[in-house]
Amino acid sequence: DRAAGFTPMAIVATAATVNTGAIDDIDAIADVC
């Protein structure tokens, strides 16, 4: 996206998805942020 000229605004990490209750690796996503 950056190469295509877009501006990343936000990353949404999900703490327990509505379908299965899966929790994203919030710490790893926070590192990316």
PDB file of all heavy atoms in Angstrom:
ATOM      1  N   ASP A   1       0.820  -1.209   0.000  1.00  0.00           N
ATOM      2  CA  ASP A   1       0.000   0.000   0.000  1.00  0.00           C
ATOM      3  C   ASP A   1       0.854   1.259   0.000  1.00  0.00           C
ATOM      4  O   ASP A   1       0.546   2.232  -0.702  1.00  0.00           O
ATOM      5  CB  ASP A   1      -0.944   0.002   1.204  1.00  0.00           C
ATOM      6  CG  ASP A   1      -2.142  -0.917   1.028  1.00  0.00           C
ATOM      7  OD1 ASP A   1      -2.534  -1.141  -0.128  1.00  0.00           O
ATOM      8  OD2 ASP A   1      -2.669  -1.417   2.040  1.00  0.00           O
ATOM      9  N   ARG A   2       1.897   1.263   0.782  1.00  0.00           N
ATOM     10  CA  ARG A   2       2.773   2.436   0.788  1.00  0.00           C
ATOM     11  C   ARG A   2       3.373   2.663  -0.604  1.00  0.00           C
ATOM     12  O   ARG A   2       3.450   3.805  -1.089  1.00  0.00           O
ATOM     13  CB  ARG A   2       3.870   2.274   1.830  1.00  0.00           C
ATOM     14  CG  ARG A   2       3.404   2.396   3.291  1.00  0.00           C
ATOM     15  CD  ARG A   2       4.592   2.652   4.204  1.00  0.00           C
ATOM     16  NE  ARG A   2       4.275   2.569   5.615  1.00  0.00           N
ATOM     17  CZ  ARG A   2       3.688   3.542   6.340  1.00  0.00           C
ATOM     18  NH1 ARG A   2       3.330   4.660   5.746  1.00  0.00           N
ATOM     19  NH2 ARG A   2       3.464   3.364   7.625  1.00  0.00           N
ATOM     20  N   ALA A   3       3.790   1.589  -1.250  1.00  0.00           N
ATOM     21  CA  ALA A   3       4.368   1.703  -2.594  1.00  0.00           C
ATOM     22  C   ALA A   3       3.354   2.236  -3.593  1.00  0.00           C
ATOM     23  O   ALA A   3       3.716   2.903  -4.573  1.00  0.00           O
ATOM     24  CB  ALA A   3       4.892   0.341  -3.050  1.00  0.00           C
ATOM     25  N   ALA A   4       2.064   1.953  -3.345  1.00  0.00           N
ATOM     26  CA  ALA A   4       1.008   2.404  -4.254  1.00  0.00           C
ATOM     27  C   ALA A   4       0.479   3.796  -3.895  1.00  0.00           C
ATOM     28  O   ALA A   4      -0.469   4.275  -4.536  1.00  0.00           O
ATOM     29  CB  ALA A   4      -0.137   1.402  -4.252  1.00  0.00           C
ATOM     30  N   GLY A   5       1.051   4.429  -2.874  1.00  0.00           N
ATOM     31  CA  GLY A   5       0.675   5.787  -2.529  1.00  0.00           C
ATOM     32  C   GLY A   5      -0.427   5.926  -1.496  1.00  0.00           C
ATOM     33  O   GLY A   5      -0.950   7.020  -1.276  1.00  0.00           O
ATOM     34  N   PHE A   6      -0.760   4.830  -0.833  1.00  0.00           N
ATOM     35  CA  PHE A   6      -1.765   4.890   0.222  1.00  0.00           C
ATOM     36  C   PHE A   6      -1.125   5.249   1.560  1.00  0.00           C
ATOM     37  O   PHE A   6       0.082   5.051   1.760  1.00  0.00           O
ATOM     38  CB  PHE A   6      -2.494   3.554   0.354  1.00  0.00           C
ATOM     39  CG  PHE A   6      -3.373   3.214  -0.822  1.00  0.00           C
ATOM     40  CD1 PHE A   6      -2.931   2.354  -1.815  1.00  0.00           C
ATOM     41  CD2 PHE A   6      -4.637   3.773  -0.940  1.00  0.00           C
ATOM     42  CE1 PHE A   6      -3.735   2.033  -2.899  1.00  0.00           C
ATOM     43  CE2 PHE A   6      -5.453   3.459  -2.018  1.00  0.00           C
ATOM     44  CZ  PHE A   6      -4.993   2.594  -3.008  1.00  0.00           C
ATOM     45  N   THR A   7      -1.954   5.752   2.491  1.00  0.00           N
ATOM     46  CA  THR A   7      -1.504   6.100   3.836  1.00  0.00           C
ATOM     47  C   THR A   7      -2.159   5.167   4.843  1.00  0.00           C
ATOM     48  O   THR A   7      -3.380   5.263   5.069  1.00  0.00           O
ATOM     49  CB  THR A   7      -1.869   7.557   4.186  1.00  0.00           C
ATOM     50  OG1 THR A   7      -1.249   8.431   3.253  1.00  0.00           O
ATOM     51  CG2 THR A   7      -1.413   7.902   5.598  1.00  0.00           C
ATOM     52  N   PRO A   8      -1.413   4.253   5.439  1.00  0.00           N
ATOM     53  CA  PRO A   8      -2.009   3.408   6.488  1.00  0.00           C
ATOM     54  C   PRO A   8      -2.501   4.256   7.660  1.00  0.00           C
ATOM     55  O   PRO A   8      -1.726   5.047   8.215  1.00  0.00           O
ATOM     56  CB  PRO A   8      -0.853   2.497   6.896  1.00  0.00           C
ATOM     57  CG  PRO A   8       0.049   2.463   5.695  1.00  0.00           C
ATOM     58  CD  PRO A   8      -0.028   3.857   5.128  1.00  0.00           C
ATOM     59  N   MET A   9      -3.768   4.117   7.994  1.00  0.00           N
ATOM     60  CA  MET A   9      -4.368   4.939   9.047  1.00  0.00           C
ATOM     61  C   MET A   9      -4.442   4.196  10.376  1.00  0.00           C
ATOM     62  O   MET A   9      -4.190   4.764  11.435  1.00  0.00           O
ATOM     63  CB  MET A   9      -5.771   5.365   8.619  1.00  0.00           C
ATOM     64  CG  MET A   9      -6.426   6.383   9.534  1.00  0.00           C
ATOM     65  SD  MET A   9      -8.201   6.555   9.213  1.00  0.00           S
ATOM     66  CE  MET A   9      -8.876   5.351  10.368  1.00  0.00           C
ATOM     67  N   ALA A  10      -4.834   2.926  10.332  1.00  0.00           N
ATOM     68  CA  ALA A  10      -5.013   2.167  11.568  1.00  0.00           C
ATOM     69  C   ALA A  10      -4.952   0.680  11.268  1.00  0.00           C
ATOM     70  O   ALA A  10      -5.301   0.244  10.168  1.00  0.00           O
ATOM     71  CB  ALA A  10      -6.345   2.512  12.230  1.00  0.00           C
ATOM     72  N   ILE A  11      -4.509  -0.073  12.258  1.00  0.00           N
ATOM     73  CA  ILE A  11      -4.591  -1.527  12.231  1.00  0.00           C
ATOM     74  C   ILE A  11      -5.533  -1.939  13.353  1.00  0.00           C
ATOM     75  O   ILE A  11      -5.384  -1.496  14.495  1.00  0.00           O
ATOM     76  CB  ILE A  11      -3.216  -2.187  12.422  1.00  0.00           C
ATOM     77  CG1 ILE A  11      -2.244  -1.755  11.320  1.00  0.00           C
ATOM     78  CG2 ILE A  11      -3.353  -3.716  12.437  1.00  0.00           C
ATOM     79  CD1 ILE A  11      -0.821  -2.238  11.532  1.00  0.00           C
ATOM     80  N   VAL A  12      -6.501  -2.765  13.023  1.00  0.00           N
ATOM     81  CA  VAL A  12      -7.464  -3.260  14.006  1.00  0.00           C
ATOM     82  C   VAL A  12      -7.076  -4.683  14.401  1.00  0.00           C
ATOM     83  O   VAL A  12      -7.116  -5.595  13.571  1.00  0.00           O
ATOM     84  CB  VAL A  12      -8.894  -3.244  13.446  1.00  0.00           C
ATOM     85  CG1 VAL A  12      -9.880  -3.783  14.500  1.00  0.00           C
ATOM     86  CG2 VAL A  12      -9.286  -1.838  13.010  1.00  0.00           C
ATOM     87  N   ALA A  13      -6.688  -4.857  15.642  1.00  0.00           N
ATOM     88  CA  ALA A  13      -6.443  -6.193  16.185  1.00  0.00           C
ATOM     89  C   ALA A  13      -7.708  -6.645  16.897  1.00  0.00           C
ATOM     90  O   ALA A  13      -8.316  -5.867  17.646  1.00  0.00           O
ATOM     91  CB  ALA A  13      -5.266  -6.175  17.150  1.00  0.00           C
ATOM     92  N   THR A  14      -8.122  -7.867  16.654  1.00  0.00           N
ATOM     93  CA  THR A  14      -9.359  -8.368  17.251  1.00  0.00           C
ATOM     94  C   THR A  14      -9.049  -9.242  18.461  1.00  0.00           C
ATOM     95  O   THR A  14      -8.322 -10.231  18.350  1.00  0.00           O
ATOM     96  CB  THR A  14     -10.177  -9.174  16.225  1.00  0.00           C
ATOM     97  OG1 THR A  14     -10.461  -8.337  15.099  1.00  0.00           O
ATOM     98  CG2 THR A  14     -11.486  -9.643  16.829  1.00  0.00           C
ATOM     99  N   ALA A  15      -9.593  -8.854  19.602  1.00  0.00           N
ATOM    100  CA  ALA A  15      -9.445  -9.644  20.824  1.00  0.00           C
ATOM    101  C   ALA A  15     -10.717 -10.465  21.002  1.00  0.00           C
ATOM    102  O   ALA A  15     -11.667 -10.023  21.640  1.00  0.00           O
ATOM    103  CB  ALA A  15      -9.200  -8.745  22.030  1.00  0.00           C
ATOM    104  N   ALA A  16     -10.725 -11.613  20.348  1.00  0.00           N
ATOM    105  CA  ALA A  16     -11.820 -12.577  20.341  1.00  0.00           C
ATOM    106  C   ALA A  16     -12.778 -12.291  19.192  1.00  0.00           C
ATOM    107  O   ALA A  16     -13.649 -11.424  19.279  1.00  0.00           O
ATOM    108  CB  ALA A  16     -12.555 -12.640  21.665  1.00  0.00           C
ATOM    109  N   THR A  17     -12.580 -13.013  18.105  1.00  0.00           N
ATOM    110  CA  THR A  17     -13.445 -12.847  16.942  1.00  0.00           C
ATOM    111  C   THR A  17     -14.830 -13.402  17.225  1.00  0.00           C
ATOM    112  O   THR A  17     -15.002 -14.346  17.997  1.00  0.00           O
ATOM    113  CB  THR A  17     -12.863 -13.567  15.714  1.00  0.00           C
ATOM    114  OG1 THR A  17     -12.764 -14.966  15.996  1.00  0.00           O
ATOM    115  CG2 THR A  17     -11.496 -13.016  15.350  1.00  0.00           C
ATOM    116  N   VAL A  18     -15.804 -12.808  16.562  1.00  0.00           N
ATOM    117  CA  VAL A  18     -17.184 -13.203  16.811  1.00  0.00           C
ATOM    118  C   VAL A  18     -17.476 -14.606  16.271  1.00  0.00           C
ATOM    119  O   VAL A  18     -18.357 -15.302  16.787  1.00  0.00           O
ATOM    120  CB  VAL A  18     -18.147 -12.147  16.217  1.00  0.00           C
ATOM    121  CG1 VAL A  18     -18.170 -12.216  14.702  1.00  0.00           C
ATOM    122  CG2 VAL A  18     -19.536 -12.271  16.808  1.00  0.00           C
ATOM    123  N   ASN A  19     -16.750 -15.038  15.260  1.00  0.00           N
ATOM    124  CA  ASN A  19     -16.999 -16.362  14.692  1.00  0.00           C
ATOM    125  C   ASN A  19     -16.496 -17.494  15.576  1.00  0.00           C
ATOM    126  O   ASN A  19     -17.217 -18.458  15.835  1.00  0.00           O
ATOM    127  CB  ASN A  19     -16.335 -16.477  13.311  1.00  0.00           C
ATOM    128  CG  ASN A  19     -17.299 -16.167  12.181  1.00  0.00           C
ATOM    129  OD1 ASN A  19     -18.510 -16.185  12.354  1.00  0.00           O
ATOM    130  ND2 ASN A  19     -16.754 -15.878  11.020  1.00  0.00           N
ATOM    131  N   THR A  20     -15.243 -17.394  16.025  1.00  0.00           N
ATOM    132  CA  THR A  20     -14.626 -18.535  16.709  1.00  0.00           C
ATOM    133  C   THR A  20     -14.003 -18.199  18.049  1.00  0.00           C
ATOM    134  O   THR A  20     -13.558 -19.104  18.759  1.00  0.00           O
ATOM    135  CB  THR A  20     -13.533 -19.165  15.819  1.00  0.00           C
ATOM    136  OG1 THR A  20     -12.455 -18.230  15.680  1.00  0.00           O
ATOM    137  CG2 THR A  20     -14.065 -19.545  14.444  1.00  0.00           C
ATOM    138  N   GLY A  21     -13.925 -16.916  18.420  1.00  0.00           N
ATOM    139  CA  GLY A  21     -13.256 -16.545  19.663  1.00  0.00           C
ATOM    140  C   GLY A  21     -11.748 -16.445  19.537  1.00  0.00           C
ATOM    141  O   GLY A  21     -11.043 -16.346  20.543  1.00  0.00           O
ATOM    142  N   ALA A  22     -11.221 -16.437  18.320  1.00  0.00           N
ATOM    143  CA  ALA A  22      -9.772 -16.326  18.121  1.00  0.00           C
ATOM    144  C   ALA A  22      -9.291 -14.940  18.539  1.00  0.00           C
ATOM    145  O   ALA A  22      -9.969 -13.936  18.311  1.00  0.00           O
ATOM    146  CB  ALA A  22      -9.418 -16.578  16.662  1.00  0.00           C
ATOM    147  N   ILE A  23      -8.113 -14.886  19.138  1.00  0.00           N
ATOM    148  CA  ILE A  23      -7.504 -13.625  19.554  1.00  0.00           C
ATOM    149  C   ILE A  23      -6.257 -13.390  18.718  1.00  0.00           C
ATOM    150  O   ILE A  23      -5.332 -14.206  18.714  1.00  0.00           O
ATOM    151  CB  ILE A  23      -7.147 -13.641  21.054  1.00  0.00           C
ATOM    152  CG1 ILE A  23      -8.410 -13.824  21.904  1.00  0.00           C
ATOM    153  CG2 ILE A  23      -6.430 -12.351  21.449  1.00  0.00           C
ATOM    154  CD1 ILE A  23      -8.137 -13.957  23.390  1.00  0.00           C
ATOM    155  N   ASP A  24      -6.237 -12.281  17.991  1.00  0.00           N
ATOM    156  CA  ASP A  24      -5.051 -11.944  17.203  1.00  0.00           C
ATOM    157  C   ASP A  24      -3.834 -11.797  18.118  1.00  0.00           C
ATOM    158  O   ASP A  24      -3.972 -11.531  19.328  1.00  0.00           O
ATOM    159  CB  ASP A  24      -5.272 -10.628  16.451  1.00  0.00           C
ATOM    160  CG  ASP A  24      -6.247 -10.765  15.288  1.00  0.00           C
ATOM    161  OD1 ASP A  24      -6.438 -11.899  14.798  1.00  0.00           O
ATOM    162  OD2 ASP A  24      -6.820  -9.738  14.880  1.00  0.00           O
ATOM    163  N   ASP A  25      -2.650 -11.947  17.552  1.00  0.00           N
ATOM    164  CA  ASP A  25      -1.407 -11.729  18.300  1.00  0.00           C
ATOM    165  C   ASP A  25      -1.221 -10.225  18.459  1.00  0.00           C
ATOM    166  O   ASP A  25      -0.551  -9.568  17.661  1.00  0.00           O
ATOM    167  CB  ASP A  25      -0.227 -12.356  17.548  1.00  0.00           C
ATOM    168  CG  ASP A  25       1.062 -12.333  18.358  1.00  0.00           C
ATOM    169  OD1 ASP A  25       1.156 -11.530  19.306  1.00  0.00           O
ATOM    170  OD2 ASP A  25       1.979 -13.103  18.035  1.00  0.00           O
ATOM    171  N   ILE A  26      -1.856  -9.682  19.497  1.00  0.00           N
ATOM    172  CA  ILE A  26      -1.900  -8.230  19.662  1.00  0.00           C
ATOM    173  C   ILE A  26      -0.501  -7.660  19.863  1.00  0.00           C
ATOM    174  O   ILE A  26      -0.165  -6.587  19.330  1.00  0.00           O
ATOM    175  CB  ILE A  26      -2.812  -7.849  20.844  1.00  0.00           C
ATOM    176  CG1 ILE A  26      -4.210  -8.443  20.652  1.00  0.00           C
ATOM    177  CG2 ILE A  26      -2.904  -6.337  20.978  1.00  0.00           C
ATOM    178  CD1 ILE A  26      -5.123  -8.259  21.844  1.00  0.00           C
ATOM    179  N   ASP A  27       0.334  -8.349  20.586  1.00  0.00           N
ATOM    180  CA  ASP A  27       1.677  -7.845  20.844  1.00  0.00           C
ATOM    181  C   ASP A  27       2.483  -7.735  19.551  1.00  0.00           C
ATOM    182  O   ASP A  27       3.176  -6.731  19.321  1.00  0.00           O
ATOM    183  CB  ASP A  27       2.389  -8.763  21.844  1.00  0.00           C
ATOM    184  CG  ASP A  27       3.360  -8.018  22.742  1.00  0.00           C
ATOM    185  OD1 ASP A  27       3.125  -6.823  23.010  1.00  0.00           O
ATOM    186  OD2 ASP A  27       4.343  -8.633  23.175  1.00  0.00           O
ATOM    187  N   ALA A  28       2.400  -8.747  18.700  1.00  0.00           N
ATOM    188  CA  ALA A  28       3.118  -8.703  17.420  1.00  0.00           C
ATOM    189  C   ALA A  28       2.560  -7.596  16.527  1.00  0.00           C
ATOM    190  O   ALA A  28       3.323  -6.902  15.832  1.00  0.00           O
ATOM    191  CB  ALA A  28       3.018 -10.053  16.715  1.00  0.00           C
ATOM    192  N   ILE A  29       1.247  -7.412  16.539  1.00  0.00           N
ATOM    193  CA  ILE A  29       0.640  -6.341  15.746  1.00  0.00           C
ATOM    194  C   ILE A  29       1.051  -4.981  16.300  1.00  0.00           C
ATOM    195  O   ILE A  29       1.314  -4.035  15.541  1.00  0.00           O
ATOM    196  CB  ILE A  29      -0.884  -6.507  15.712  1.00  0.00           C
ATOM    197  CG1 ILE A  29      -1.251  -7.801  14.974  1.00  0.00           C
ATOM    198  CG2 ILE A  29      -1.562  -5.312  15.047  1.00  0.00           C
ATOM    199  CD1 ILE A  29      -2.709  -8.184  15.079  1.00  0.00           C
ATOM    200  N   ALA A  30       1.145  -4.868  17.629  1.00  0.00           N
ATOM    201  CA  ALA A  30       1.607  -3.618  18.236  1.00  0.00           C
ATOM    202  C   ALA A  30       3.045  -3.300  17.811  1.00  0.00           C
ATOM    203  O   ALA A  30       3.400  -2.129  17.612  1.00  0.00           O
ATOM    204  CB  ALA A  30       1.508  -3.709  19.759  1.00  0.00           C
ATOM    205  N   ASP A  31       3.877  -4.329  17.665  1.00  0.00           N
ATOM    206  CA  ASP A  31       5.239  -4.111  17.169  1.00  0.00           C
ATOM    207  C   ASP A  31       5.215  -3.530  15.763  1.00  0.00           C
ATOM    208  O   ASP A  31       5.984  -2.616  15.437  1.00  0.00           O
ATOM    209  CB  ASP A  31       6.027  -5.426  17.168  1.00  0.00           C
ATOM    210  CG  ASP A  31       6.392  -5.913  18.563  1.00  0.00           C
ATOM    211  OD1 ASP A  31       6.382  -5.082  19.503  1.00  0.00           O
ATOM    212  OD2 ASP A  31       6.684  -7.110  18.714  1.00  0.00           O
ATOM    213  N   VAL A  32       4.354  -4.064  14.905  1.00  0.00           N
ATOM    214  CA  VAL A  32       4.226  -3.538  13.542  1.00  0.00           C
ATOM    215  C   VAL A  32       3.781  -2.076  13.581  1.00  0.00           C
ATOM    216  O   VAL A  32       4.325  -1.218  12.877  1.00  0.00           O
ATOM    217  CB  VAL A  32       3.224  -4.383  12.725  1.00  0.00           C
ATOM    218  CG1 VAL A  32       2.986  -3.752  11.352  1.00  0.00           C
ATOM    219  CG2 VAL A  32       3.717  -5.814  12.579  1.00  0.00           C
ATOM    220  N   CYS A  33       2.790  -1.769  14.424  1.00  0.00           N
ATOM    221  CA  CYS A  33       2.304  -0.398  14.542  1.00  0.00           C
ATOM    222  C   CYS A  33       3.406   0.549  14.995  1.00  0.00           C
ATOM    223  O   CYS A  33       3.525   1.675  14.488  1.00  0.00           O
ATOM    224  CB  CYS A  33       1.124  -0.336  15.510  1.00  0.00           C
ATOM    225  SG  CYS A  33      -0.388  -1.082  14.881  1.00  0.00           S
TER     226      CYS A  33
END
